[in-house]
Amino acid sequence: MKELLTDIDRWQRDAKRIVLARVVDIEGSGPRDPGAAMAVNEDGEVVGSVSGGCVEGAVVTEALALLAGERQPGVVTFGYSDDEAFAVGLTCGGTIHVFLQPLDW
């Protein structure tokens, strides 16, 4: 999380809207432990990681949908049995639960 703060600070100064994505749970094996975080701004810029790259694109899509009002804050789940997660590369055999929330200044 500390690595994110510099970019989040800069984005805040630039009045960018931001979503914070955090791994809140894993089942089985997962690429990152709970607490791993990434931030996405309204321009699609990303800092941090919730999966080491395998589902980051899908998380960015969900974050941008949240900023666009197309989804509510909450948990998004990616797992091996989920065809979408497999398509984006989560082949570790586990399931990760990522909580998305907008940062509200």
C-alpha atoms as a PDB file:
ATOM      1  CA  MET A   1       0.000   0.000   0.000  1.00  0.00           C
ATOM      2  CA  LYS A   2       2.832   2.405   0.795  1.00  0.00           C
ATOM      3  CA  GLU A   3       4.053   2.250  -2.815  1.00  0.00           C
ATOM      4  CA  LEU A   4       0.656   3.516  -3.960  1.00  0.00           C
ATOM      5  CA  LEU A   5       0.633   6.639  -1.840  1.00  0.00           C
ATOM      6  CA  THR A   6       2.918   8.759  -4.021  1.00  0.00           C
ATOM      7  CA  ASP A   7       0.780   8.221  -7.120  1.00  0.00           C
ATOM      8  CA  ILE A   8      -2.500   8.533  -5.211  1.00  0.00           C
ATOM      9  CA  ASP A   9      -1.228  11.809  -3.751  1.00  0.00           C
ATOM     10  CA  ARG A  10      -0.365  13.116  -7.208  1.00  0.00           C
ATOM     11  CA  TRP A  11      -3.702  12.004  -8.641  1.00  0.00           C
ATOM     12  CA  GLN A  12      -5.517  13.695  -5.772  1.00  0.00           C
ATOM     13  CA  ARG A  13      -3.670  16.960  -6.428  1.00  0.00           C
ATOM     14  CA  ASP A  14      -4.690  16.635 -10.098  1.00  0.00           C
ATOM     15  CA  ALA A  15      -8.342  16.128  -8.992  1.00  0.00           C
ATOM     16  CA  LYS A  16      -8.501  12.633 -10.507  1.00  0.00           C
ATOM     17  CA  ARG A  17     -11.204  10.236  -9.390  1.00  0.00           C
ATOM     18  CA  ILE A  18      -9.672   7.015  -8.057  1.00  0.00           C
ATOM     19  CA  VAL A  19     -10.740   3.480  -7.202  1.00  0.00           C
ATOM     20  CA  LEU A  20      -8.802   1.407  -4.699  1.00  0.00           C
ATOM     21  CA  ALA A  21      -8.828  -2.364  -5.269  1.00  0.00           C
ATOM     22  CA  ARG A  22      -7.712  -4.640  -2.423  1.00  0.00           C
ATOM     23  CA  VAL A  23      -7.445  -8.404  -2.130  1.00  0.00           C
ATOM     24  CA  VAL A  24      -9.657  -9.242   0.836  1.00  0.00           C
ATOM     25  CA  ASP A  25      -9.639 -13.038   0.666  1.00  0.00           C
ATOM     26  CA  ILE A  26      -8.217 -15.968  -1.269  1.00  0.00           C
ATOM     27  CA  GLU A  27      -9.374 -19.561  -1.515  1.00  0.00           C
ATOM     28  CA  GLY A  28      -6.762 -22.121  -2.437  1.00  0.00           C
ATOM     29  CA  SER A  29      -3.647 -20.725  -4.023  1.00  0.00           C
ATOM     30  CA  GLY A  30      -3.592 -17.112  -5.114  1.00  0.00           C
ATOM     31  CA  PRO A  31      -1.071 -14.851  -6.784  1.00  0.00           C
ATOM     32  CA  ARG A  32      -1.173 -12.219  -3.999  1.00  0.00           C
ATOM     33  CA  ASP A  33      -2.078 -12.360  -0.318  1.00  0.00           C
ATOM     34  CA  PRO A  34      -4.958 -10.427   1.261  1.00  0.00           C
ATOM     35  CA  GLY A  35      -3.951  -6.801   1.634  1.00  0.00           C
ATOM     36  CA  ALA A  36      -2.387  -6.533  -1.809  1.00  0.00           C
ATOM     37  CA  ALA A  37      -3.681  -3.356  -3.419  1.00  0.00           C
ATOM     38  CA  MET A  38      -3.794  -1.371  -6.608  1.00  0.00           C
ATOM     39  CA  ALA A  39      -5.286   1.980  -7.518  1.00  0.00           C
ATOM     40  CA  VAL A  40      -6.877   2.995 -10.810  1.00  0.00           C
ATOM     41  CA  ASN A  41      -7.627   6.563 -11.815  1.00  0.00           C
ATOM     42  CA  GLU A  42     -10.315   7.797 -14.190  1.00  0.00           C
ATOM     43  CA  ASP A  43      -7.801   7.858 -17.061  1.00  0.00           C
ATOM     44  CA  GLY A  44      -7.090   4.151 -16.611  1.00  0.00           C
ATOM     45  CA  GLU A  45      -3.657   4.692 -15.053  1.00  0.00           C
ATOM     46  CA  VAL A  46      -2.748   1.915 -12.618  1.00  0.00           C
ATOM     47  CA  VAL A  47      -0.360   1.579  -9.707  1.00  0.00           C
ATOM     48  CA  GLY A  48       0.133  -1.509  -7.571  1.00  0.00           C
ATOM     49  CA  SER A  49      -1.013  -5.071  -8.148  1.00  0.00           C
ATOM     50  CA  VAL A  50      -3.672  -7.449  -6.888  1.00  0.00           C
ATOM     51  CA  SER A  51      -2.674 -10.477  -8.925  1.00  0.00           C
ATOM     52  CA  GLY A  52       0.814 -10.129 -10.325  1.00  0.00           C
ATOM     53  CA  GLY A  53      -0.682  -9.322 -13.708  1.00  0.00           C
ATOM     54  CA  CYS A  54      -3.096 -12.172 -14.340  1.00  0.00           C
ATOM     55  CA  VAL A  55      -6.387 -10.351 -13.627  1.00  0.00           C
ATOM     56  CA  GLU A  56      -5.269  -6.733 -13.477  1.00  0.00           C
ATOM     57  CA  GLY A  57      -6.992  -5.880 -16.779  1.00  0.00           C
ATOM     58  CA  ALA A  58     -10.318  -7.211 -15.532  1.00  0.00           C
ATOM     59  CA  VAL A  59      -9.930  -5.298 -12.252  1.00  0.00           C
ATOM     60  CA  VAL A  60      -9.228  -2.079 -14.197  1.00  0.00           C
ATOM     61  CA  THR A  61     -12.391  -2.688 -16.248  1.00  0.00           C
ATOM     62  CA  GLU A  62     -14.428  -3.117 -13.050  1.00  0.00           C
ATOM     63  CA  ALA A  63     -12.820  -0.024 -11.474  1.00  0.00           C
ATOM     64  CA  LEU A  64     -13.645   2.130 -14.495  1.00  0.00           C
ATOM     65  CA  ALA A  65     -17.215   0.784 -14.467  1.00  0.00           C
ATOM     66  CA  LEU A  66     -17.464   1.844 -10.822  1.00  0.00           C
ATOM     67  CA  LEU A  67     -16.275   5.361 -11.685  1.00  0.00           C
ATOM     68  CA  ALA A  68     -18.801   5.474 -14.545  1.00  0.00           C
ATOM     69  CA  GLY A  69     -21.639   4.550 -12.188  1.00  0.00           C
ATOM     70  CA  GLU A  70     -22.173   1.193 -13.912  1.00  0.00           C
ATOM     71  CA  ARG A  71     -21.504  -0.855 -10.776  1.00  0.00           C
ATOM     72  CA  GLN A  72     -21.524  -0.401  -7.022  1.00  0.00           C
ATOM     73  CA  PRO A  73     -18.551  -0.656  -4.676  1.00  0.00           C
ATOM     74  CA  GLY A  74     -18.056  -4.188  -3.467  1.00  0.00           C
ATOM     75  CA  VAL A  75     -16.315  -7.491  -3.935  1.00  0.00           C
ATOM     76  CA  VAL A  76     -15.443  -8.944  -7.335  1.00  0.00           C
ATOM     77  CA  THR A  77     -14.406 -12.595  -7.416  1.00  0.00           C
ATOM     78  CA  PHE A  78     -12.053 -14.293  -9.840  1.00  0.00           C
ATOM     79  CA  GLY A  79     -11.509 -18.021  -9.659  1.00  0.00           C
ATOM     80  CA  TYR A  80     -10.213 -20.957 -11.587  1.00  0.00           C
ATOM     81  CA  SER A  81     -13.724 -22.216 -12.328  1.00  0.00           C
ATOM     82  CA  ASP A  82     -14.786 -18.784 -13.552  1.00  0.00           C
ATOM     83  CA  ASP A  83     -14.391 -18.744 -17.355  1.00  0.00           C
ATOM     84  CA  GLU A  84     -13.682 -14.999 -17.384  1.00  0.00           C
ATOM     85  CA  ALA A  85     -10.930 -15.325 -14.796  1.00  0.00           C
ATOM     86  CA  PHE A  86      -9.367 -18.213 -16.710  1.00  0.00           C
ATOM     87  CA  ALA A  87      -9.524 -16.162 -19.904  1.00  0.00           C
ATOM     88  CA  VAL A  88      -7.522 -13.344 -18.289  1.00  0.00           C
ATOM     89  CA  GLY A  89      -4.932 -15.745 -16.933  1.00  0.00           C
ATOM     90  CA  LEU A  90      -5.822 -16.718 -13.356  1.00  0.00           C
ATOM     91  CA  THR A  91      -4.642 -20.293 -13.722  1.00  0.00           C
ATOM     92  CA  CYS A  92      -3.216 -20.783 -10.220  1.00  0.00           C
ATOM     93  CA  GLY A  93      -6.178 -22.930  -9.218  1.00  0.00           C
ATOM     94  CA  GLY A  94      -7.446 -20.582  -6.528  1.00  0.00           C
ATOM     95  CA  THR A  95     -10.020 -17.851  -6.157  1.00  0.00           C
ATOM     96  CA  ILE A  96      -9.323 -14.238  -5.226  1.00  0.00           C
ATOM     97  CA  HIS A  97     -11.824 -11.762  -3.841  1.00  0.00           C
ATOM     98  CA  VAL A  98     -11.066  -8.106  -4.588  1.00  0.00           C
ATOM     99  CA  PHE A  99     -12.907  -5.234  -2.893  1.00  0.00           C
ATOM    100  CA  LEU A 100     -13.360  -2.132  -5.067  1.00  0.00           C
ATOM    101  CA  GLN A 101     -14.105   1.251  -3.539  1.00  0.00           C
ATOM    102  CA  PRO A 102     -13.813   4.815  -4.787  1.00  0.00           C
ATOM    103  CA  LEU A 103     -11.537   7.083  -2.776  1.00  0.00           C
ATOM    104  CA  ASP A 104     -13.647   9.966  -1.564  1.00  0.00           C
ATOM    105  CA  TRP A 105     -11.747  13.083  -0.564  1.00  0.00           C
END
